[in-house]
Amino acid sequence: MLTLPSELTITQVSDYRAEIQPLIDENDSIIIDDSELIRIDTIGVQFILAVVTYILAQGKTLTYQSTSTILQQSIKQLGINDAILLQYLPN
């Protein structure tokens, strides 16, 4: 399970990427949990989109447990209508 950190901003993205890369590469089924996420910026949203895209491109199974309203608000504010994210995140 990938549990997103409480803050996913430009400062944390690089470190978090290095932390989760092996987990993604070593598992065929990935669960992303955003329940701890309380702060995210544009780079963080782009990072989540990249992670979801990467997981699906690898042919892995993705389950996204989305309970963070901050992520949903950020997606709406940014006007992101990407089908991949919308498929996994509630509106």
Protein backbone atom coordinates (compact mmCIF):
# COMPACT_ATOMS: atom_id res chain seq x y z
CA MET A 1 0.00 0.00 0.00
CA LEU A 2 1.20 3.48 -0.86
CA THR A 3 0.05 5.90 1.78
CA LEU A 4 0.46 9.46 0.60
CA PRO A 5 2.19 11.73 3.10
CA SER A 6 0.34 14.50 4.92
CA GLU A 7 2.03 17.03 2.63
CA LEU A 8 2.78 16.43 -1.02
CA THR A 9 4.36 19.58 -2.35
CA ILE A 10 7.33 20.38 -4.53
CA THR A 11 9.56 19.90 -1.49
CA GLN A 12 8.40 16.34 -0.77
CA VAL A 13 7.82 14.94 -4.26
CA SER A 14 11.40 13.93 -5.04
CA ASP A 15 11.95 12.15 -1.73
CA TYR A 16 8.56 10.45 -1.86
CA ARG A 17 9.17 9.26 -5.42
CA ALA A 18 12.39 7.57 -4.35
CA GLU A 19 10.54 5.95 -1.45
CA ILE A 20 7.65 4.51 -3.46
CA GLN A 21 9.42 3.51 -6.70
CA PRO A 22 10.60 0.11 -5.38
CA LEU A 23 7.15 -0.61 -3.95
CA ILE A 24 5.54 0.02 -7.32
CA ASP A 25 8.14 -1.99 -9.21
CA GLU A 26 7.95 -5.01 -6.87
CA ASN A 27 4.15 -5.40 -6.69
CA ASP A 28 1.52 -6.30 -9.28
CA SER A 29 -1.33 -4.77 -7.30
CA ILE A 30 -1.03 -1.29 -5.86
CA ILE A 31 -3.33 0.45 -3.38
CA ILE A 32 -2.95 4.20 -2.98
CA ASP A 33 -4.37 5.68 0.20
CA ASP A 34 -4.67 9.47 0.49
CA SER A 35 -6.34 9.56 3.92
CA GLU A 36 -3.40 11.37 5.56
CA LEU A 37 -3.10 14.04 2.84
CA ILE A 38 -3.85 17.53 4.17
CA ARG A 39 -1.73 19.73 1.88
CA ILE A 40 -0.93 19.42 -1.82
CA ASP A 41 0.27 21.80 -4.50
CA THR A 42 0.19 21.68 -8.30
CA ILE A 43 3.38 19.62 -8.45
CA GLY A 44 1.87 17.14 -5.99
CA VAL A 45 -1.25 16.71 -8.14
CA GLN A 46 0.91 16.25 -11.24
CA PHE A 47 2.98 13.70 -9.32
CA ILE A 48 -0.10 11.67 -8.38
CA LEU A 49 -1.24 11.74 -12.01
CA ALA A 50 2.21 10.53 -13.10
CA VAL A 51 2.19 7.73 -10.49
CA VAL A 52 -1.28 6.55 -11.55
CA THR A 53 -0.26 6.66 -15.23
CA TYR A 54 2.98 4.77 -14.51
CA ILE A 55 1.21 2.05 -12.53
CA LEU A 56 -1.36 1.51 -15.27
CA ALA A 57 1.29 1.59 -18.03
CA GLN A 58 3.08 -1.25 -16.23
CA GLY A 59 -0.10 -3.34 -16.47
CA LYS A 60 -0.54 -3.37 -12.70
CA THR A 61 -3.83 -3.33 -10.83
CA LEU A 62 -4.59 -0.04 -9.10
CA THR A 63 -6.99 0.60 -6.26
CA TYR A 64 -7.24 4.21 -5.14
CA GLN A 65 -8.70 4.79 -1.68
CA SER A 66 -9.58 8.45 -1.85
CA THR A 67 -10.87 10.12 1.28
CA SER A 68 -8.89 13.37 1.02
CA THR A 69 -11.11 16.28 0.13
CA ILE A 70 -8.03 18.49 -0.34
CA LEU A 71 -6.94 16.45 -3.36
CA GLN A 72 -10.39 16.62 -4.89
CA GLN A 73 -10.53 20.39 -4.29
CA SER A 74 -7.10 20.88 -5.85
CA ILE A 75 -8.07 18.90 -8.94
CA LYS A 76 -11.19 21.04 -9.38
CA GLN A 77 -9.29 24.30 -8.80
CA LEU A 78 -6.69 23.31 -11.38
CA GLY A 79 -9.40 22.36 -13.86
CA ILE A 80 -7.93 18.91 -14.40
CA ASN A 81 -10.26 16.75 -16.42
CA ASP A 82 -7.84 13.90 -16.99
CA ALA A 83 -9.79 10.70 -17.50
CA ILE A 84 -7.23 8.60 -15.62
CA LEU A 85 -7.52 10.58 -12.40
CA LEU A 86 -11.26 11.01 -12.66
CA GLN A 87 -11.66 7.27 -13.10
CA TYR A 88 -10.11 6.66 -9.69
CA LEU A 89 -11.12 9.71 -7.67
CA PRO A 90 -14.68 10.49 -6.65
CA ASN A 91 -16.06 13.78 -7.96
